[in-house]
PDB file of N, CA and C in Angstrom:
ATOM      1  N   MET A   1      94.519 145.268  28.650  1.00  0.00           N
ATOM      2  CA  MET A   1      93.728 144.895  27.479  1.00  0.00           C
ATOM      3  C   MET A   1      93.281 143.443  27.586  1.00  0.00           C
ATOM      4  N   ASP A   2      92.140 143.197  27.047  1.00  0.00           N
ATOM      5  CA  ASP A   2      91.587 141.849  27.025  1.00  0.00           C
ATOM      6  C   ASP A   2      92.291 141.047  25.932  1.00  0.00           C
ATOM      7  N   ARG A   3      93.066 140.062  26.355  1.00  0.00           N
ATOM      8  CA  ARG A   3      93.864 139.268  25.411  1.00  0.00           C
ATOM      9  C   ARG A   3      92.989 138.575  24.366  1.00  0.00           C
ATOM     10  N   TRP A   4      91.831 138.067  24.787  1.00  0.00           N
ATOM     11  CA  TRP A   4      90.960 137.358  23.852  1.00  0.00           C
ATOM     12  C   TRP A   4      90.341 138.316  22.853  1.00  0.00           C
ATOM     13  N   ARG A   5      90.080 139.542  23.296  1.00  0.00           N
ATOM     14  CA  ARG A   5      89.560 140.548  22.366  1.00  0.00           C
ATOM     15  C   ARG A   5      90.615 140.886  21.313  1.00  0.00           C
ATOM     16  N   ILE A   6      91.860 140.938  21.717  1.00  0.00           N
ATOM     17  CA  ILE A   6      92.953 141.190  20.771  1.00  0.00           C
ATOM     18  C   ILE A   6      93.035 140.058  19.754  1.00  0.00           C
ATOM     19  N   VAL A   7      92.912 138.827  20.226  1.00  0.00           N
ATOM     20  CA  VAL A   7      92.944 137.678  19.314  1.00  0.00           C
ATOM     21  C   VAL A   7      91.794 137.777  18.319  1.00  0.00           C
ATOM     22  N   ARG A   8      90.595 138.071  18.817  1.00  0.00           N
ATOM     23  CA  ARG A   8      89.438 138.200  17.919  1.00  0.00           C
ATOM     24  C   ARG A   8      89.635 139.347  16.934  1.00  0.00           C
ATOM     25  N   ARG A   9      90.180 140.472  17.419  1.00  0.00           N
ATOM     26  CA  ARG A   9      90.452 141.600  16.521  1.00  0.00           C
ATOM     27  C   ARG A   9      91.407 141.182  15.419  1.00  0.00           C
ATOM     28  N   ASN A  10      92.452 140.476  15.788  1.00  0.00           N
ATOM     29  CA  ASN A  10      93.439 140.074  14.795  1.00  0.00           C
ATOM     30  C   ASN A  10      92.871 139.076  13.793  1.00  0.00           C
ATOM     31  N   LYS A  11      91.936 138.247  14.223  1.00  0.00           N
ATOM     32  CA  LYS A  11      91.265 137.340  13.284  1.00  0.00           C
ATOM     33  C   LYS A  11      90.474 138.155  12.260  1.00  0.00           C
ATOM     34  N   LEU A  12      89.761 139.172  12.734  1.00  0.00           N
ATOM     35  CA  LEU A  12      88.981 140.022  11.826  1.00  0.00           C
ATOM     36  C   LEU A  12      89.894 140.785  10.872  1.00  0.00           C
ATOM     37  N   VAL A  13      90.949 141.364  11.413  1.00  0.00           N
ATOM     38  CA  VAL A  13      91.915 142.088  10.578  1.00  0.00           C
ATOM     39  C   VAL A  13      92.559 141.123   9.590  1.00  0.00           C
ATOM     40  N   GLY A  14      92.846 139.922  10.063  1.00  0.00           N
ATOM     41  CA  GLY A  14      93.441 138.908   9.190  1.00  0.00           C
ATOM     42  C   GLY A  14      92.551 138.539   8.021  1.00  0.00           C
ATOM     43  N   MET A  15      91.243 138.452   8.246  1.00  0.00           N
ATOM     44  CA  MET A  15      90.326 138.140   7.144  1.00  0.00           C
ATOM     45  C   MET A  15      90.278 139.298   6.144  1.00  0.00           C
ATOM     46  N   TRP A  16      90.307 140.523   6.641  1.00  0.00           N
ATOM     47  CA  TRP A  16      90.336 141.697   5.759  1.00  0.00           C
ATOM     48  C   TRP A  16      91.628 141.690   4.933  1.00  0.00           C
ATOM     49  N   ALA A  17      92.758 141.470   5.611  1.00  0.00           N
ATOM     50  CA  ALA A  17      94.048 141.460   4.920  1.00  0.00           C
ATOM     51  C   ALA A  17      94.114 140.317   3.913  1.00  0.00           C
ATOM     52  N   ALA A  18      93.583 139.164   4.286  1.00  0.00           N
ATOM     53  CA  ALA A  18      93.576 138.013   3.375  1.00  0.00           C
ATOM     54  C   ALA A  18      92.826 138.350   2.094  1.00  0.00           C
ATOM     55  N   GLN A  19      91.701 139.040   2.231  1.00  0.00           N
ATOM     56  CA  GLN A  19      90.930 139.442   1.046  1.00  0.00           C
ATOM     57  C   GLN A  19      91.776 140.364   0.161  1.00  0.00           C
ATOM     58  N   LYS A  20      92.447 141.326   0.777  1.00  0.00           N
ATOM     59  CA  LYS A  20      93.301 142.251   0.025  1.00  0.00           C
ATOM     60  C   LYS A  20      94.442 141.514  -0.667  1.00  0.00           C
ATOM     61  N   LEU A  21      94.901 140.431  -0.045  1.00  0.00           N
ATOM     62  CA  LEU A  21      95.994 139.633  -0.607  1.00  0.00           C
ATOM     63  C   LEU A  21      95.500 138.624  -1.638  1.00  0.00           C
ATOM     64  N   GLY A  22      94.193 138.560  -1.832  1.00  0.00           N
ATOM     65  CA  GLY A  22      93.629 137.638  -2.816  1.00  0.00           C
ATOM     66  C   GLY A  22      93.458 136.217  -2.307  1.00  0.00           C
ATOM     67  N   LEU A  23      93.515 136.046  -1.006  1.00  0.00           N
ATOM     68  CA  LEU A  23      93.337 134.716  -0.419  1.00  0.00           C
ATOM     69  C   LEU A  23      91.852 134.452  -0.195  1.00  0.00           C
ATOM     70  N   VAL A  24      91.432 133.208  -0.416  1.00  0.00           N
ATOM     71  CA  VAL A  24      90.033 132.846  -0.210  1.00  0.00           C
ATOM     72  C   VAL A  24      89.958 131.494   0.507  1.00  0.00           C
ATOM     73  N   GLY A  25      88.801 131.203   1.051  1.00  0.00           N
ATOM     74  CA  GLY A  25      88.549 129.907   1.664  1.00  0.00           C
ATOM     75  C   GLY A  25      89.514 129.560   2.775  1.00  0.00           C
ATOM     76  N   GLU A  26      90.028 128.340   2.701  1.00  0.00           N
ATOM     77  CA  GLU A  26      90.925 127.851   3.747  1.00  0.00           C
ATOM     78  C   GLU A  26      92.214 128.663   3.846  1.00  0.00           C
ATOM     79  N   SER A  27      92.689 129.180   2.723  1.00  0.00           N
ATOM     80  CA  SER A  27      93.909 129.999   2.750  1.00  0.00           C
ATOM     81  C   SER A  27      93.673 131.287   3.529  1.00  0.00           C
ATOM     82  N   ALA A  28      92.516 131.903   3.333  1.00  0.00           N
ATOM     83  CA  ALA A  28      92.175 133.131   4.060  1.00  0.00           C
ATOM     84  C   ALA A  28      92.027 132.844   5.549  1.00  0.00           C
ATOM     85  N   THR A  29      91.363 131.751   5.868  1.00  0.00           N
ATOM     86  CA  THR A  29      91.180 131.380   7.268  1.00  0.00           C
ATOM     87  C   THR A  29      92.522 131.080   7.929  1.00  0.00           C
ATOM     88  N   ALA A  30      93.384 130.371   7.233  1.00  0.00           N
ATOM     89  CA  ALA A  30      94.708 130.050   7.777  1.00  0.00           C
ATOM     90  C   ALA A  30      95.514 131.324   8.025  1.00  0.00           C
ATOM     91  N   TYR A  31      95.464 132.269   7.083  1.00  0.00           N
ATOM     92  CA  TYR A  31      96.178 133.537   7.250  1.00  0.00           C
ATOM     93  C   TYR A  31      95.649 134.267   8.488  1.00  0.00           C
ATOM     94  N   SER A  32      94.332 134.346   8.605  1.00  0.00           N
ATOM     95  CA  SER A  32      93.697 135.024   9.724  1.00  0.00           C
ATOM     96  C   SER A  32      94.057 134.366  11.055  1.00  0.00           C
ATOM     97  N   ASN A  33      93.993 133.046  11.098  1.00  0.00           N
ATOM     98  CA  ASN A  33      94.334 132.329  12.329  1.00  0.00           C
ATOM     99  C   ASN A  33      95.800 132.516  12.699  1.00  0.00           C
ATOM    100  N   ASP A  34      96.673 132.525  11.703  1.00  0.00           N
ATOM    101  CA  ASP A  34      98.097 132.726  11.962  1.00  0.00           C
ATOM    102  C   ASP A  34      98.338 134.117  12.545  1.00  0.00           C
ATOM    103  N   LEU A  35      97.669 135.101  11.992  1.00  0.00           N
ATOM    104  CA  LEU A  35      97.807 136.462  12.508  1.00  0.00           C
ATOM    105  C   LEU A  35      97.312 136.536  13.948  1.00  0.00           C
ATOM    106  N   ALA A  36      96.216 135.871  14.232  1.00  0.00           N
ATOM    107  CA  ALA A  36      95.687 135.854  15.596  1.00  0.00           C
ATOM    108  C   ALA A  36      96.640 135.143  16.549  1.00  0.00           C
ATOM    109  N   ARG A  37      97.234 134.044  16.106  1.00  0.00           N
ATOM    110  CA  ARG A  37      98.190 133.316  16.950  1.00  0.00           C
ATOM    111  C   ARG A  37      99.424 134.163  17.243  1.00  0.00           C
ATOM    112  N   ASN A  38      99.810 135.022  16.311  1.00  0.00           N
ATOM    113  CA  ASN A  38     100.972 135.882  16.538  1.00  0.00           C
ATOM    114  C   ASN A  38     100.787 136.771  17.760  1.00  0.00           C
ATOM    115  N   THR A  39      99.551 137.057  18.105  1.00  0.00           N
ATOM    116  CA  THR A  39      99.252 137.850  19.291  1.00  0.00           C
ATOM    117  C   THR A  39      99.815 137.185  20.538  1.00  0.00           C
ATOM    118  N   LEU A  40      99.869 135.888  20.532  1.00  0.00           N
ATOM    119  CA  LEU A  40     100.284 135.143  21.708  1.00  0.00           C
ATOM    120  C   LEU A  40     101.791 135.024  21.826  1.00  0.00           C
ATOM    121  N   ASP A  41     102.510 135.366  20.778  1.00  0.00           N
ATOM    122  CA  ASP A  41     103.970 135.290  20.750  1.00  0.00           C
ATOM    123  C   ASP A  41     104.524 136.711  20.815  1.00  0.00           C
ATOM    124  N   LEU A  42     105.082 137.073  21.942  1.00  0.00           N
ATOM    125  CA  LEU A  42     105.542 138.448  22.139  1.00  0.00           C
ATOM    126  C   LEU A  42     106.593 138.883  21.128  1.00  0.00           C
ATOM    127  N   LYS A  43     107.300 137.926  20.538  1.00  0.00           N
ATOM    128  CA  LYS A  43     108.319 138.280  19.555  1.00  0.00           C
ATOM    129  C   LYS A  43     107.718 138.568  18.181  1.00  0.00           C
ATOM    130  N   ARG A  44     106.484 138.125  17.937  1.00  0.00           N
ATOM    131  CA  ARG A  44     105.878 138.284  16.609  1.00  0.00           C
ATOM    132  C   ARG A  44     104.478 138.890  16.691  1.00  0.00           C
ATOM    133  N   ASN A  45     104.218 139.796  17.647  1.00  0.00           N
ATOM    134  CA  ASN A  45     102.857 140.237  17.855  1.00  0.00           C
ATOM    135  C   ASN A  45     102.516 141.592  17.228  1.00  0.00           C
ATOM    136  N   ASP A  46     103.376 142.173  16.446  1.00  0.00           N
ATOM    137  CA  ASP A  46     103.079 143.462  15.836  1.00  0.00           C
ATOM    138  C   ASP A  46     102.318 143.249  14.528  1.00  0.00           C
ATOM    139  N   VAL A  47     101.009 143.243  14.633  1.00  0.00           N
ATOM    140  CA  VAL A  47     100.132 142.944  13.508  1.00  0.00           C
ATOM    141  C   VAL A  47     100.327 143.944  12.373  1.00  0.00           C
ATOM    142  N   LEU A  48     100.462 145.208  12.708  1.00  0.00           N
ATOM    143  CA  LEU A  48     100.656 146.228  11.678  1.00  0.00           C
ATOM    144  C   LEU A  48     101.903 145.938  10.853  1.00  0.00           C
ATOM    145  N   VAL A  49     102.995 145.604  11.510  1.00  0.00           N
ATOM    146  CA  VAL A  49     104.249 145.305  10.804  1.00  0.00           C
ATOM    147  C   VAL A  49     104.076 144.080   9.908  1.00  0.00           C
ATOM    148  N   ILE A  50     103.413 143.057  10.416  1.00  0.00           N
ATOM    149  CA  ILE A  50     103.209 141.826   9.640  1.00  0.00           C
ATOM    150  C   ILE A  50     102.377 142.113   8.392  1.00  0.00           C
ATOM    151  N   ILE A  51     101.267 142.819   8.579  1.00  0.00           N
ATOM    152  CA  ILE A  51     100.402 143.123   7.433  1.00  0.00           C
ATOM    153  C   ILE A  51     101.129 144.023   6.436  1.00  0.00           C
ATOM    154  N   ARG A  52     101.819 145.033   6.934  1.00  0.00           N
ATOM    155  CA  ARG A  52     102.556 145.944   6.050  1.00  0.00           C
ATOM    156  C   ARG A  52     103.568 145.153   5.211  1.00  0.00           C
ATOM    157  N   ARG A  53     104.306 144.251   5.848  1.00  0.00           N
ATOM    158  CA  ARG A  53     105.287 143.424   5.146  1.00  0.00           C
ATOM    159  C   ARG A  53     104.614 142.566   4.075  1.00  0.00           C
ATOM    160  N   ASP A  54     103.512 141.920   4.446  1.00  0.00           N
ATOM    161  CA  ASP A  54     102.796 141.054   3.498  1.00  0.00           C
ATOM    162  C   ASP A  54     102.208 141.853   2.342  1.00  0.00           C
ATOM    163  N   PHE A  55     101.647 143.019   2.643  1.00  0.00           N
ATOM    164  CA  PHE A  55     101.091 143.871   1.589  1.00  0.00           C
ATOM    165  C   PHE A  55     102.189 144.364   0.652  1.00  0.00           C
ATOM    166  N   ASP A  56     103.307 144.798   1.213  1.00  0.00           N
ATOM    167  CA  ASP A  56     104.412 145.275   0.383  1.00  0.00           C
ATOM    168  C   ASP A  56     104.923 144.169  -0.541  1.00  0.00           C
ATOM    169  N   ALA A  57     105.047 142.954   0.013  1.00  0.00           N
ATOM    170  CA  ALA A  57     105.539 141.825  -0.785  1.00  0.00           C
ATOM    171  C   ALA A  57     104.580 141.471  -1.915  1.00  0.00           C
ATOM    172  N   ALA A  58     103.277 141.667  -1.679  1.00  0.00           N
ATOM    173  CA  ALA A  58     102.265 141.309  -2.684  1.00  0.00           C
ATOM    174  C   ALA A  58     101.860 142.486  -3.567  1.00  0.00           C
ATOM    175  N   GLY A  59     102.422 143.659  -3.297  1.00  0.00           N
ATOM    176  CA  GLY A  59     102.070 144.837  -4.089  1.00  0.00           C
ATOM    177  C   GLY A  59     100.700 145.410  -3.765  1.00  0.00           C
ATOM    178  N   VAL A  60     100.201 145.158  -2.562  1.00  0.00           N
ATOM    179  CA  VAL A  60      98.903 145.693  -2.130  1.00  0.00           C
ATOM    180  C   VAL A  60      99.123 147.106  -1.608  1.00  0.00           C
ATOM    181  N   VAL A  61      98.386 148.047  -2.165  1.00  0.00           N
ATOM    182  CA  VAL A  61      98.536 149.442  -1.780  1.00  0.00           C
ATOM    183  C   VAL A  61      97.505 149.798  -0.703  1.00  0.00           C
ATOM    184  N   GLN A  62      97.991 149.957   0.504  1.00  0.00           N
ATOM    185  CA  GLN A  62      97.184 150.391   1.647  1.00  0.00           C
ATOM    186  C   GLN A  62      98.109 151.206   2.529  1.00  0.00           C
ATOM    187  N   SER A  63      97.645 152.377   2.947  1.00  0.00           N
ATOM    188  CA  SER A  63      98.474 153.204   3.821  1.00  0.00           C
ATOM    189  C   SER A  63      98.437 152.672   5.249  1.00  0.00           C
ATOM    190  N   LYS A  64      99.405 153.105   6.032  1.00  0.00           N
ATOM    191  CA  LYS A  64      99.439 152.753   7.450  1.00  0.00           C
ATOM    192  C   LYS A  64      98.138 153.192   8.112  1.00  0.00           C
ATOM    193  N   GLU A  65      97.656 154.368   7.755  1.00  0.00           N
ATOM    194  CA  GLU A  65      96.421 154.897   8.334  1.00  0.00           C
ATOM    195  C   GLU A  65      95.223 154.023   7.977  1.00  0.00           C
ATOM    196  N   GLN A  66      95.175 153.517   6.744  1.00  0.00           N
ATOM    197  CA  GLN A  66      94.077 152.647   6.336  1.00  0.00           C
ATOM    198  C   GLN A  66      94.099 151.341   7.136  1.00  0.00           C
ATOM    199  N   ILE A  67      95.278 150.785   7.306  1.00  0.00           N
ATOM    200  CA  ILE A  67      95.395 149.542   8.076  1.00  0.00           C
ATOM    201  C   ILE A  67      95.005 149.786   9.528  1.00  0.00           C
ATOM    202  N   LEU A  68      95.492 150.883  10.110  1.00  0.00           N
ATOM    203  CA  LEU A  68      95.154 151.208  11.494  1.00  0.00           C
ATOM    204  C   LEU A  68      93.653 151.447  11.665  1.00  0.00           C
ATOM    205  N   SER A  69      93.022 152.031  10.661  1.00  0.00           N
ATOM    206  CA  SER A  69      91.578 152.244  10.711  1.00  0.00           C
ATOM    207  C   SER A  69      90.830 150.916  10.765  1.00  0.00           C
ATOM    208  N   VAL A  70      91.248 149.962   9.933  1.00  0.00           N
ATOM    209  CA  VAL A  70      90.629 148.634   9.946  1.00  0.00           C
ATOM    210  C   VAL A  70      90.881 147.960  11.296  1.00  0.00           C
ATOM    211  N   MET A  71      92.079 148.128  11.830  1.00  0.00           N
ATOM    212  CA  MET A  71      92.386 147.546  13.134  1.00  0.00           C
ATOM    213  C   MET A  71      91.481 148.140  14.217  1.00  0.00           C
ATOM    214  N   SER A  72      91.236 149.439  14.158  1.00  0.00           N
ATOM    215  CA  SER A  72      90.361 150.098  15.137  1.00  0.00           C
ATOM    216  C   SER A  72      88.922 149.615  15.002  1.00  0.00           C
ATOM    217  N   GLN A  73      88.436 149.544  13.772  1.00  0.00           N
ATOM    218  CA  GLN A  73      87.075 149.063  13.534  1.00  0.00           C
ATOM    219  C   GLN A  73      86.943 147.612  14.000  1.00  0.00           C
ATOM    220  N   SER A  74      87.956 146.823  13.754  1.00  0.00           N
ATOM    221  CA  SER A  74      87.933 145.426  14.160  1.00  0.00           C
ATOM    222  C   SER A  74      87.967 145.287  15.678  1.00  0.00           C
ATOM    223  N   TRP A  75      88.664 146.217  16.339  1.00  0.00           N
ATOM    224  CA  TRP A  75      88.695 146.226  17.811  1.00  0.00           C
ATOM    225  C   TRP A  75      87.279 146.421  18.354  1.00  0.00           C
ATOM    226  N   LEU A  76      86.544 147.345  17.754  1.00  0.00           N
ATOM    227  CA  LEU A  76      85.165 147.585  18.180  1.00  0.00           C
ATOM    228  C   LEU A  76      84.295 146.359  17.913  1.00  0.00           C
ATOM    229  N   GLU A  77      84.455 145.776  16.736  1.00  0.00           N
ATOM    230  CA  GLU A  77      83.692 144.583  16.379  1.00  0.00           C
ATOM    231  C   GLU A  77      84.028 143.417  17.308  1.00  0.00           C
ATOM    232  N   ALA A  78      85.286 143.258  17.636  1.00  0.00           N
ATOM    233  CA  ALA A  78      85.704 142.174  18.530  1.00  0.00           C
ATOM    234  C   ALA A  78      85.074 142.344  19.910  1.00  0.00           C
ATOM    235  N   GLY A  79      84.901 143.583  20.337  1.00  0.00           N
ATOM    236  CA  GLY A  79      84.258 143.850  21.622  1.00  0.00           C
ATOM    237  C   GLY A  79      82.798 143.462  21.626  1.00  0.00           C
ATOM    238  N   ARG A  80      82.150 143.627  20.493  1.00  0.00           N
ATOM    239  CA  ARG A  80      80.736 143.258  20.386  1.00  0.00           C
ATOM    240  C   ARG A  80      80.552 141.752  20.347  1.00  0.00           C
ATOM    241  N   LYS A  81      81.578 141.027  19.982  1.00  0.00           N
ATOM    242  CA  LYS A  81      81.467 139.574  19.843  1.00  0.00           C
ATOM    243  C   LYS A  81      81.928 138.828  21.091  1.00  0.00           C
ATOM    244  N   THR A  82      82.238 139.530  22.153  1.00  0.00           N
ATOM    245  CA  THR A  82      82.797 138.856  23.317  1.00  0.00           C
ATOM    246  C   THR A  82      81.855 137.831  23.918  1.00  0.00           C
ATOM    247  N   ASP A  83      80.562 137.999  23.754  1.00  0.00           N
ATOM    248  CA  ASP A  83      79.612 137.054  24.323  1.00  0.00           C
ATOM    249  C   ASP A  83      79.193 135.979  23.333  1.00  0.00           C
ATOM    250  N   ARG A  84      79.685 136.037  22.117  1.00  0.00           N
ATOM    251  CA  ARG A  84      79.255 135.098  21.085  1.00  0.00           C
ATOM    252  C   ARG A  84      80.460 134.397  20.469  1.00  0.00           C
ATOM    253  N   ALA A  85      81.135 133.622  21.261  1.00  0.00           N
ATOM    254  CA  ALA A  85      82.314 132.911  20.753  1.00  0.00           C
ATOM    255  C   ALA A  85      81.896 131.844  19.748  1.00  0.00           C
ATOM    256  N   ASP A  86      82.698 131.669  18.720  1.00  0.00           N
ATOM    257  CA  ASP A  86      82.430 130.603  17.756  1.00  0.00           C
ATOM    258  C   ASP A  86      83.489 129.518  17.891  1.00  0.00           C
ATOM    259  N   ALA A  87      83.382 128.506  17.074  1.00  0.00           N
ATOM    260  CA  ALA A  87      84.295 127.361  17.175  1.00  0.00           C
ATOM    261  C   ALA A  87      85.742 127.776  16.969  1.00  0.00           C
ATOM    262  N   SER A  88      85.997 128.715  16.064  1.00  0.00           N
ATOM    263  CA  SER A  88      87.384 129.120  15.827  1.00  0.00           C
ATOM    264  C   SER A  88      87.937 129.879  17.029  1.00  0.00           C
ATOM    265  N   ASP A  89      87.090 130.644  17.733  1.00  0.00           N
ATOM    266  CA  ASP A  89      87.541 131.299  18.950  1.00  0.00           C
ATOM    267  C   ASP A  89      87.903 130.256  20.004  1.00  0.00           C
ATOM    268  N   ALA A  90      87.090 129.222  20.113  1.00  0.00           N
ATOM    269  CA  ALA A  90      87.366 128.161  21.080  1.00  0.00           C
ATOM    270  C   ALA A  90      88.696 127.488  20.758  1.00  0.00           C
ATOM    271  N   ALA A  91      88.971 127.291  19.483  1.00  0.00           N
ATOM    272  CA  ALA A  91      90.243 126.685  19.084  1.00  0.00           C
ATOM    273  C   ALA A  91      91.411 127.581  19.473  1.00  0.00           C
ATOM    274  N   LEU A  92      91.260 128.890  19.287  1.00  0.00           N
ATOM    275  CA  LEU A  92      92.338 129.805  19.656  1.00  0.00           C
ATOM    276  C   LEU A  92      92.552 129.849  21.164  1.00  0.00           C
ATOM    277  N   VAL A  93      91.472 129.758  21.915  1.00  0.00           N
ATOM    278  CA  VAL A  93      91.600 129.710  23.373  1.00  0.00           C
ATOM    279  C   VAL A  93      92.409 128.481  23.775  1.00  0.00           C
ATOM    280  N   GLN A  94      92.131 127.351  23.144  1.00  0.00           N
ATOM    281  CA  GLN A  94      92.874 126.122  23.454  1.00  0.00           C
ATOM    282  C   GLN A  94      94.343 126.265  23.069  1.00  0.00           C
ATOM    283  N   ILE A  95      94.615 126.863  21.928  1.00  0.00           N
ATOM    284  CA  ILE A  95      96.005 127.086  21.506  1.00  0.00           C
ATOM    285  C   ILE A  95      96.709 127.977  22.526  1.00  0.00           C
ATOM    286  N   ALA A  96      96.034 129.032  22.958  1.00  0.00           N
ATOM    287  CA  ALA A  96      96.624 129.946  23.931  1.00  0.00           C
ATOM    288  C   ALA A  96      96.941 129.217  25.242  1.00  0.00           C
ATOM    289  N   ARG A  97      96.010 128.390  25.692  1.00  0.00           N
ATOM    290  CA  ARG A  97      96.250 127.627  26.923  1.00  0.00           C
ATOM    291  C   ARG A  97      97.446 126.703  26.765  1.00  0.00           C
ATOM    292  N   ASN A  98      97.556 126.053  25.619  1.00  0.00           N
ATOM    293  CA  ASN A  98      98.677 125.165  25.388  1.00  0.00           C
ATOM    294  C   ASN A  98      99.994 125.925  25.395  1.00  0.00           C
ATOM    295  N   LEU A  99     100.020 127.105  24.785  1.00  0.00           N
ATOM    296  CA  LEU A  99     101.243 127.907  24.750  1.00  0.00           C
ATOM    297  C   LEU A  99     101.602 128.407  26.136  1.00  0.00           C
ATOM    298  N   GLN A 100     100.601 128.793  26.922  1.00  0.00           N
ATOM    299  CA  GLN A 100     100.865 129.317  28.264  1.00  0.00           C
ATOM    300  C   GLN A 100     101.372 128.244  29.206  1.00  0.00           C
ATOM    301  N   SER A 101     101.009 126.996  28.953  1.00  0.00           N
ATOM    302  CA  SER A 101     101.423 125.921  29.858  1.00  0.00           C
ATOM    303  C   SER A 101     102.863 125.467  29.609  1.00  0.00           C
ATOM    304  N   ARG A 102     103.504 125.982  28.566  1.00  0.00           N
ATOM    305  CA  ARG A 102     104.891 125.591  28.255  1.00  0.00           C
ATOM    306  C   ARG A 102     105.879 126.293  29.129  1.00  0.00           C
TER     307      ARG A 102
END
């Protein structure tokens, strides 16, 4: 799997989840970026588990199937964006490089 595509997918899923959690602006972006960074940490990379935990804690009603559907749609969207990196993608690439060099 393309690691950068996974990061981009998780950013998209993170923005969707942030909206469901009632987060906006910088809080939504921070949540999304944190979820994407979790991809790089093998101990914390299960996005479904993280979102399920956060939704349960906040009382957000979404089934596992609904979350997986958004993850699948985001995977497709992330694939379409592979040639159009934005500044936040560049920041995540730098974070990934820093983590890999440790």
